[in-house]
Amino acid sequence: MMTGKQGGHYIFACSDYLEIGTPLENVKALLRGARAASKYE
């Protein structure tokens, strides 16, 4: 994410799918990471 967002052109999107049985904690961790890395300063 740090590479992709350089210049302010990064969009986080789950454009594929989550595998059946993906633990909810993994999904939450993905979202936490996206939120943490999405702030531009």
PDB file of N, CA and C in Angstrom:
ATOM      1  N   MET A   1       0.811  -1.182   0.000  1.00  0.00           N
ATOM      2  CA  MET A   1       0.000   0.000   0.000  1.00  0.00           C
ATOM      3  C   MET A   1       0.857   1.249   0.000  1.00  0.00           C
ATOM      4  N   MET A   2       1.977   1.203   0.683  1.00  0.00           N
ATOM      5  CA  MET A   2       2.819   2.400   0.755  1.00  0.00           C
ATOM      6  C   MET A   2       3.378   2.736  -0.637  1.00  0.00           C
ATOM      7  N   THR A   3       3.623   1.745  -1.462  1.00  0.00           N
ATOM      8  CA  THR A   3       4.122   1.989  -2.817  1.00  0.00           C
ATOM      9  C   THR A   3       3.001   2.473  -3.721  1.00  0.00           C
ATOM     10  N   GLY A   4       1.829   1.856  -3.606  1.00  0.00           N
ATOM     11  CA  GLY A   4       0.722   2.161  -4.500  1.00  0.00           C
ATOM     12  C   GLY A   4       0.083   3.510  -4.285  1.00  0.00           C
ATOM     13  N   LYS A   5       0.160   4.039  -3.085  1.00  0.00           N
ATOM     14  CA  LYS A   5      -0.542   5.301  -2.821  1.00  0.00           C
ATOM     15  C   LYS A   5       0.303   6.546  -3.075  1.00  0.00           C
ATOM     16  N   GLN A   6       1.549   6.391  -3.461  1.00  0.00           N
ATOM     17  CA  GLN A   6       2.399   7.549  -3.723  1.00  0.00           C
ATOM     18  C   GLN A   6       1.752   8.434  -4.787  1.00  0.00           C
ATOM     19  N   GLY A   7       1.666   9.709  -4.520  1.00  0.00           N
ATOM     20  CA  GLY A   7       1.073  10.650  -5.458  1.00  0.00           C
ATOM     21  C   GLY A   7      -0.424  10.815  -5.292  1.00  0.00           C
ATOM     22  N   GLY A   8      -1.028  10.093  -4.336  1.00  0.00           N
ATOM     23  CA  GLY A   8      -2.440  10.266  -4.051  1.00  0.00           C
ATOM     24  C   GLY A   8      -3.390   9.595  -5.018  1.00  0.00           C
ATOM     25  N   HIS A   9      -2.962   8.552  -5.702  1.00  0.00           N
ATOM     26  CA  HIS A   9      -3.807   7.918  -6.706  1.00  0.00           C
ATOM     27  C   HIS A   9      -4.224   6.504  -6.328  1.00  0.00           C
ATOM     28  N   TYR A  10      -4.106   6.151  -5.071  1.00  0.00           N
ATOM     29  CA  TYR A  10      -4.396   4.792  -4.636  1.00  0.00           C
ATOM     30  C   TYR A  10      -5.847   4.663  -4.182  1.00  0.00           C
ATOM     31  N   ILE A  11      -6.511   3.606  -4.622  1.00  0.00           N
ATOM     32  CA  ILE A  11      -7.868   3.309  -4.180  1.00  0.00           C
ATOM     33  C   ILE A  11      -7.862   1.884  -3.644  1.00  0.00           C
ATOM     34  N   PHE A  12      -8.243   1.716  -2.387  1.00  0.00           N
ATOM     35  CA  PHE A  12      -8.339   0.380  -1.801  1.00  0.00           C
ATOM     36  C   PHE A  12      -9.704  -0.195  -2.153  1.00  0.00           C
ATOM     37  N   ALA A  13      -9.717  -1.366  -2.737  1.00  0.00           N
ATOM     38  CA  ALA A  13     -10.979  -2.010  -3.090  1.00  0.00           C
ATOM     39  C   ALA A  13     -10.803  -3.522  -3.057  1.00  0.00           C
ATOM     40  N   CYS A  14     -11.773  -4.192  -2.522  1.00  0.00           N
ATOM     41  CA  CYS A  14     -11.805  -5.661  -2.570  1.00  0.00           C
ATOM     42  C   CYS A  14     -12.546  -6.038  -3.848  1.00  0.00           C
ATOM     43  N   SER A  15     -11.848  -6.019  -4.957  1.00  0.00           N
ATOM     44  CA  SER A  15     -12.507  -6.232  -6.241  1.00  0.00           C
ATOM     45  C   SER A  15     -12.586  -7.700  -6.616  1.00  0.00           C
ATOM     46  N   ASP A  16     -12.013  -8.548  -5.846  1.00  0.00           N
ATOM     47  CA  ASP A  16     -12.086  -9.977  -6.127  1.00  0.00           C
ATOM     48  C   ASP A  16     -13.118 -10.584  -5.184  1.00  0.00           C
ATOM     49  N   TYR A  17     -12.710 -11.426  -4.309  1.00  0.00           N
ATOM     50  CA  TYR A  17     -13.633 -12.046  -3.370  1.00  0.00           C
ATOM     51  C   TYR A  17     -12.845 -12.592  -2.199  1.00  0.00           C
ATOM     52  N   LEU A  18     -13.555 -12.906  -1.144  1.00  0.00           N
ATOM     53  CA  LEU A  18     -12.948 -13.587  -0.005  1.00  0.00           C
ATOM     54  C   LEU A  18     -13.312 -15.062  -0.107  1.00  0.00           C
ATOM     55  N   GLU A  19     -12.357 -15.905   0.136  1.00  0.00           N
ATOM     56  CA  GLU A  19     -12.613 -17.347   0.108  1.00  0.00           C
ATOM     57  C   GLU A  19     -13.651 -17.720   1.155  1.00  0.00           C
ATOM     58  N   ILE A  20     -14.462 -18.678   0.844  1.00  0.00           N
ATOM     59  CA  ILE A  20     -15.404 -19.216   1.826  1.00  0.00           C
ATOM     60  C   ILE A  20     -14.594 -19.737   3.004  1.00  0.00           C
ATOM     61  N   GLY A  21     -14.999 -19.357   4.184  1.00  0.00           N
ATOM     62  CA  GLY A  21     -14.302 -19.806   5.380  1.00  0.00           C
ATOM     63  C   GLY A  21     -13.184 -18.881   5.830  1.00  0.00           C
ATOM     64  N   THR A  22     -13.005 -17.749   5.149  1.00  0.00           N
ATOM     65  CA  THR A  22     -11.994 -16.790   5.603  1.00  0.00           C
ATOM     66  C   THR A  22     -12.372 -16.327   7.008  1.00  0.00           C
ATOM     67  N   PRO A  23     -11.485 -16.485   7.967  1.00  0.00           N
ATOM     68  CA  PRO A  23     -11.814 -16.079   9.335  1.00  0.00           C
ATOM     69  C   PRO A  23     -12.137 -14.584   9.408  1.00  0.00           C
ATOM     70  N   LEU A  24     -13.138 -14.255  10.172  1.00  0.00           N
ATOM     71  CA  LEU A  24     -13.551 -12.867  10.334  1.00  0.00           C
ATOM     72  C   LEU A  24     -12.394 -12.004  10.834  1.00  0.00           C
ATOM     73  N   GLU A  25     -11.567 -12.541  11.703  1.00  0.00           N
ATOM     74  CA  GLU A  25     -10.430 -11.775  12.220  1.00  0.00           C
ATOM     75  C   GLU A  25      -9.475 -11.384  11.090  1.00  0.00           C
ATOM     76  N   ASN A  26      -9.329 -12.226  10.070  1.00  0.00           N
ATOM     77  CA  ASN A  26      -8.472 -11.892   8.926  1.00  0.00           C
ATOM     78  C   ASN A  26      -9.057 -10.720   8.139  1.00  0.00           C
ATOM     79  N   VAL A  27     -10.362 -10.717   7.970  1.00  0.00           N
ATOM     80  CA  VAL A  27     -11.028  -9.627   7.261  1.00  0.00           C
ATOM     81  C   VAL A  27     -10.864  -8.325   8.055  1.00  0.00           C
ATOM     82  N   LYS A  28     -11.052  -8.407   9.350  1.00  0.00           N
ATOM     83  CA  LYS A  28     -10.892  -7.224  10.198  1.00  0.00           C
ATOM     84  C   LYS A  28      -9.455  -6.708  10.141  1.00  0.00           C
ATOM     85  N   ALA A  29      -8.486  -7.615  10.129  1.00  0.00           N
ATOM     86  CA  ALA A  29      -7.079  -7.214  10.056  1.00  0.00           C
ATOM     87  C   ALA A  29      -6.787  -6.519   8.725  1.00  0.00           C
ATOM     88  N   LEU A  30      -7.365  -7.019   7.648  1.00  0.00           N
ATOM     89  CA  LEU A  30      -7.210  -6.389   6.337  1.00  0.00           C
ATOM     90  C   LEU A  30      -7.733  -4.964   6.374  1.00  0.00           C
ATOM     91  N   LEU A  31      -8.893  -4.770   6.937  1.00  0.00           N
ATOM     92  CA  LEU A  31      -9.487  -3.435   7.007  1.00  0.00           C
ATOM     93  C   LEU A  31      -8.699  -2.503   7.926  1.00  0.00           C
ATOM     94  N   ARG A  32      -8.216  -3.038   9.052  1.00  0.00           N
ATOM     95  CA  ARG A  32      -7.387  -2.215   9.953  1.00  0.00           C
ATOM     96  C   ARG A  32      -6.126  -1.749   9.235  1.00  0.00           C
ATOM     97  N   GLY A  33      -5.495  -2.653   8.513  1.00  0.00           N
ATOM     98  CA  GLY A  33      -4.282  -2.296   7.775  1.00  0.00           C
ATOM     99  C   GLY A  33      -4.551  -1.256   6.700  1.00  0.00           C
ATOM    100  N   ALA A  34      -5.659  -1.410   5.992  1.00  0.00           N
ATOM    101  CA  ALA A  34      -6.017  -0.448   4.951  1.00  0.00           C
ATOM    102  C   ALA A  34      -6.274   0.926   5.556  1.00  0.00           C
ATOM    103  N   ARG A  35      -6.998   0.961   6.655  1.00  0.00           N
ATOM    104  CA  ARG A  35      -7.283   2.250   7.305  1.00  0.00           C
ATOM    105  C   ARG A  35      -5.995   2.901   7.812  1.00  0.00           C
ATOM    106  N   ALA A  36      -5.120   2.108   8.407  1.00  0.00           N
ATOM    107  CA  ALA A  36      -3.880   2.654   8.967  1.00  0.00           C
ATOM    108  C   ALA A  36      -2.964   3.219   7.875  1.00  0.00           C
ATOM    109  N   ALA A  37      -2.941   2.581   6.725  1.00  0.00           N
ATOM    110  CA  ALA A  37      -2.041   3.007   5.652  1.00  0.00           C
ATOM    111  C   ALA A  37      -2.679   4.003   4.705  1.00  0.00           C
ATOM    112  N   SER A  38      -3.956   4.315   4.899  1.00  0.00           N
ATOM    113  CA  SER A  38      -4.652   5.146   3.917  1.00  0.00           C
ATOM    114  C   SER A  38      -4.565   6.634   4.205  1.00  0.00           C
ATOM    115  N   LYS A  39      -4.002   7.012   5.319  1.00  0.00           N
ATOM    116  CA  LYS A  39      -3.935   8.427   5.672  1.00  0.00           C
ATOM    117  C   LYS A  39      -2.806   9.109   4.928  1.00  0.00           C
ATOM    118  N   TYR A  40      -3.135  10.217   4.278  1.00  0.00           N
ATOM    119  CA  TYR A  40      -2.130  11.025   3.592  1.00  0.00           C
ATOM    120  C   TYR A  40      -1.764  12.188   4.494  1.00  0.00           C
ATOM    121  N   GLU A  41      -0.501  12.480   4.564  1.00  0.00           N
ATOM    122  CA  GLU A  41      -0.057  13.588   5.417  1.00  0.00           C
ATOM    123  C   GLU A  41       0.592  14.670   4.608  1.00  0.00           C
TER     124      GLU A  41
END
